[in-house]
Amino acid sequence: MVASPLFLLLALLLCNQKPTIMGHDISAFKVKLPDSSTEREEVAYIRFAMWNTVGQYLFYESLNAQKFNNGVSGSFDSETYSLEEIKKAKEKLNYIVGDSDIIEQILNYSAEEDKSEFKEILKQTLSNLPHLDEEQIKERFECTVREINEFYNFIISSKEEVVEISFM
């Protein structure tokens, strides 16, 4: 059996591969000193395809940067963040997704019982993937969370006190 093109595209989108489609290209740079003539040095990069609303929500929400999320792309703005703010963003991300049974919770989610913007977004996204079983959904979700954590880890390991994050 050959995988459908739509399935392959969704797999790429959910695991943040770099297909040539509209999306969010987010880079963290060392802050360039005003008197420096050197190019900005990128310390971290992450990409969300335009349909990866779960990844977008998790990233922007954990960083308290929803104002830079323009839906199918970033806002083309940038903001500086301290190392402490990046560490807090990583903690917030892992708090948001902290439950080990989060996918099961989402699949059984009812807005009438529990009003949660994150769970509502994830439920809508999962309803668009009826061909995936629960294990495949968990795998793609964990891939997204892992990539966001890696983005934060690259910044933290750079030991830069301040970074500029560009939301393209």
Protein backbone atom coordinates (compact mmCIF):
# COMPACT_ATOMS: atom_id res chain seq x y z
CA MET A 1 0.00 0.00 0.00
CA VAL A 2 1.39 3.40 -0.97
CA ALA A 3 0.90 6.34 1.43
CA SER A 4 -1.27 9.10 0.05
CA PRO A 5 0.36 12.47 -0.72
CA LEU A 6 -1.92 14.11 1.85
CA PHE A 7 -0.74 11.71 4.55
CA LEU A 8 2.91 12.39 3.71
CA LEU A 9 2.33 16.14 3.77
CA LEU A 10 0.58 15.96 7.15
CA ALA A 11 3.40 13.82 8.53
CA LEU A 12 5.90 16.45 7.41
CA LEU A 13 3.81 19.24 8.84
CA LEU A 14 3.34 17.65 12.21
CA CYS A 15 7.02 16.78 12.55
CA ASN A 16 8.11 20.21 11.32
CA GLN A 17 10.17 19.10 8.34
CA LYS A 18 11.03 21.81 5.83
CA PRO A 19 8.66 21.40 2.89
CA THR A 20 8.48 24.42 0.64
CA ILE A 21 5.16 25.71 1.91
CA MET A 22 4.07 28.71 3.90
CA GLY A 23 4.79 28.52 7.59
CA HIS A 24 6.56 29.96 10.58
CA ASP A 25 10.36 30.18 10.41
CA ILE A 26 11.61 31.18 13.84
CA SER A 27 15.24 31.90 14.60
CA ALA A 28 17.02 32.94 17.77
CA PHE A 29 20.10 35.10 17.28
CA LYS A 30 22.87 36.35 19.50
CA VAL A 31 22.21 40.01 20.08
CA LYS A 32 24.49 42.05 17.86
CA LEU A 33 26.23 44.95 19.55
CA PRO A 34 25.59 48.31 17.86
CA ASP A 35 29.30 48.87 17.16
CA SER A 36 29.86 45.36 15.78
CA SER A 37 30.23 44.75 12.06
CA THR A 38 29.82 40.97 12.31
CA GLU A 39 26.74 39.17 11.02
CA ARG A 40 24.11 37.98 13.45
CA GLU A 41 24.80 34.45 14.64
CA GLU A 42 21.85 32.07 14.75
CA VAL A 43 21.75 29.91 17.89
CA ALA A 44 18.42 28.12 17.33
CA TYR A 45 15.87 27.53 14.58
CA ILE A 46 12.43 25.95 14.43
CA ARG A 47 9.80 25.75 11.71
CA PHE A 48 6.06 25.22 11.89
CA ALA A 49 4.16 24.59 8.69
CA MET A 50 1.06 26.73 8.34
CA TRP A 51 -1.23 23.83 9.32
CA ASN A 52 0.66 22.86 12.46
CA THR A 53 -1.65 24.84 14.73
CA VAL A 54 -0.77 22.68 17.73
CA GLY A 55 2.96 23.40 17.41
CA GLN A 56 2.24 27.08 16.81
CA TYR A 57 0.00 27.30 19.86
CA LEU A 58 2.45 25.47 22.13
CA PHE A 59 5.43 27.54 21.01
CA TYR A 60 3.85 30.99 21.08
CA GLU A 61 1.91 30.30 24.28
CA SER A 62 4.92 28.95 26.14
CA LEU A 63 6.94 32.01 25.13
CA ASN A 64 4.07 34.42 25.91
CA ALA A 65 4.37 35.59 22.31
CA GLN A 66 0.91 34.99 20.81
CA LYS A 67 1.00 38.53 19.38
CA PHE A 68 3.62 37.28 16.88
CA ASN A 69 1.47 34.40 15.61
CA ASN A 70 -0.27 35.41 12.38
CA GLY A 71 -1.83 32.02 11.72
CA VAL A 72 -0.27 30.72 8.52
CA SER A 73 3.01 32.56 9.16
CA GLY A 74 4.87 34.57 11.73
CA SER A 75 4.48 38.33 12.06
CA PHE A 76 7.88 39.25 10.59
CA ASP A 77 8.70 40.97 13.89
CA SER A 78 11.35 40.19 16.45
CA GLU A 79 11.67 40.45 20.21
CA THR A 80 14.51 40.09 22.68
CA TYR A 81 14.30 37.52 25.45
CA SER A 82 16.51 36.94 28.44
CA LEU A 83 17.94 33.53 29.24
CA GLU A 84 15.63 33.44 32.25
CA GLU A 85 12.57 34.05 30.04
CA ILE A 86 13.64 31.19 27.76
CA LYS A 87 14.00 28.85 30.75
CA LYS A 88 10.52 29.87 31.95
CA ALA A 89 9.11 29.26 28.46
CA LYS A 90 10.54 25.74 28.49
CA GLU A 91 9.04 25.12 31.93
CA LYS A 92 5.67 26.46 30.76
CA LEU A 93 5.72 24.25 27.66
CA ASN A 94 6.36 21.16 29.75
CA TYR A 95 3.69 22.20 32.24
CA ILE A 96 1.11 22.63 29.44
CA VAL A 97 1.82 19.17 27.99
CA GLY A 98 2.78 17.56 31.28
CA ASP A 99 0.14 14.87 31.44
CA SER A 100 1.37 11.57 30.08
CA ASP A 101 -2.15 10.77 28.87
CA ILE A 102 -2.71 14.13 27.15
CA ILE A 103 -3.71 12.58 23.79
CA GLU A 104 -6.29 10.35 25.45
CA GLN A 105 -7.63 13.40 27.28
CA ILE A 106 -7.90 15.27 23.98
CA LEU A 107 -9.64 12.43 22.18
CA ASN A 108 -12.23 12.35 24.97
CA TYR A 109 -12.34 16.13 25.42
CA SER A 110 -15.64 17.92 25.78
CA ALA A 111 -15.73 21.74 25.96
CA GLU A 112 -18.85 21.43 28.08
CA GLU A 113 -16.90 19.75 30.87
CA ASP A 114 -13.59 21.63 30.68
CA LYS A 115 -12.96 24.87 28.77
CA SER A 116 -9.35 24.77 27.56
CA GLU A 117 -8.08 26.71 24.52
CA PHE A 118 -5.18 24.28 24.05
CA LYS A 119 -7.38 21.19 24.25
CA GLU A 120 -9.89 22.75 21.86
CA ILE A 121 -7.16 23.52 19.27
CA LEU A 122 -5.69 20.04 19.60
CA LYS A 123 -9.13 18.40 19.33
CA GLN A 124 -9.85 20.35 16.12
CA THR A 125 -6.48 19.38 14.67
CA LEU A 126 -6.89 15.70 15.54
CA SER A 127 -10.36 15.62 14.01
CA ASN A 128 -8.70 16.55 10.69
CA LEU A 129 -6.50 13.42 10.91
CA PRO A 130 -9.07 10.59 11.02
CA HIS A 131 -6.70 8.17 9.29
CA LEU A 132 -4.24 8.24 12.19
CA ASP A 133 -4.59 5.95 15.18
CA GLU A 134 -3.93 7.11 18.74
CA GLU A 135 -0.33 5.86 18.71
CA GLN A 136 0.48 7.77 15.51
CA ILE A 137 -1.10 10.91 16.93
CA LYS A 138 0.96 10.58 20.13
CA GLU A 139 4.13 10.12 18.08
CA ARG A 140 3.53 13.29 16.05
CA PHE A 141 2.56 15.29 19.12
CA GLU A 142 5.69 14.16 20.97
CA CYS A 143 7.77 15.08 17.90
CA THR A 144 6.41 18.65 18.01
CA VAL A 145 7.00 19.00 21.75
CA ARG A 146 10.51 17.55 21.41
CA GLU A 147 11.40 20.05 18.66
CA ILE A 148 10.19 23.02 20.70
CA ASN A 149 12.19 21.78 23.68
CA GLU A 150 15.25 21.41 21.43
CA PHE A 151 14.83 25.01 20.25
CA TYR A 152 14.82 26.19 23.87
CA ASN A 153 17.74 23.87 24.74
CA PHE A 154 19.89 25.33 21.96
CA ILE A 155 19.30 28.82 23.33
CA ILE A 156 19.96 27.74 26.93
CA SER A 157 23.16 25.90 25.97
CA SER A 158 24.42 28.96 24.07
CA LYS A 159 24.59 30.71 27.46
CA GLU A 160 23.66 33.99 25.80
CA GLU A 161 22.13 36.27 28.42
CA VAL A 162 19.84 37.83 25.78
CA VAL A 163 18.71 36.54 22.39
CA GLU A 164 16.65 38.11 19.66
CA ILE A 165 13.91 35.86 18.32
CA SER A 166 12.73 36.56 14.81
CA PHE A 167 9.20 35.38 13.94
CA MET A 168 9.09 34.99 10.13
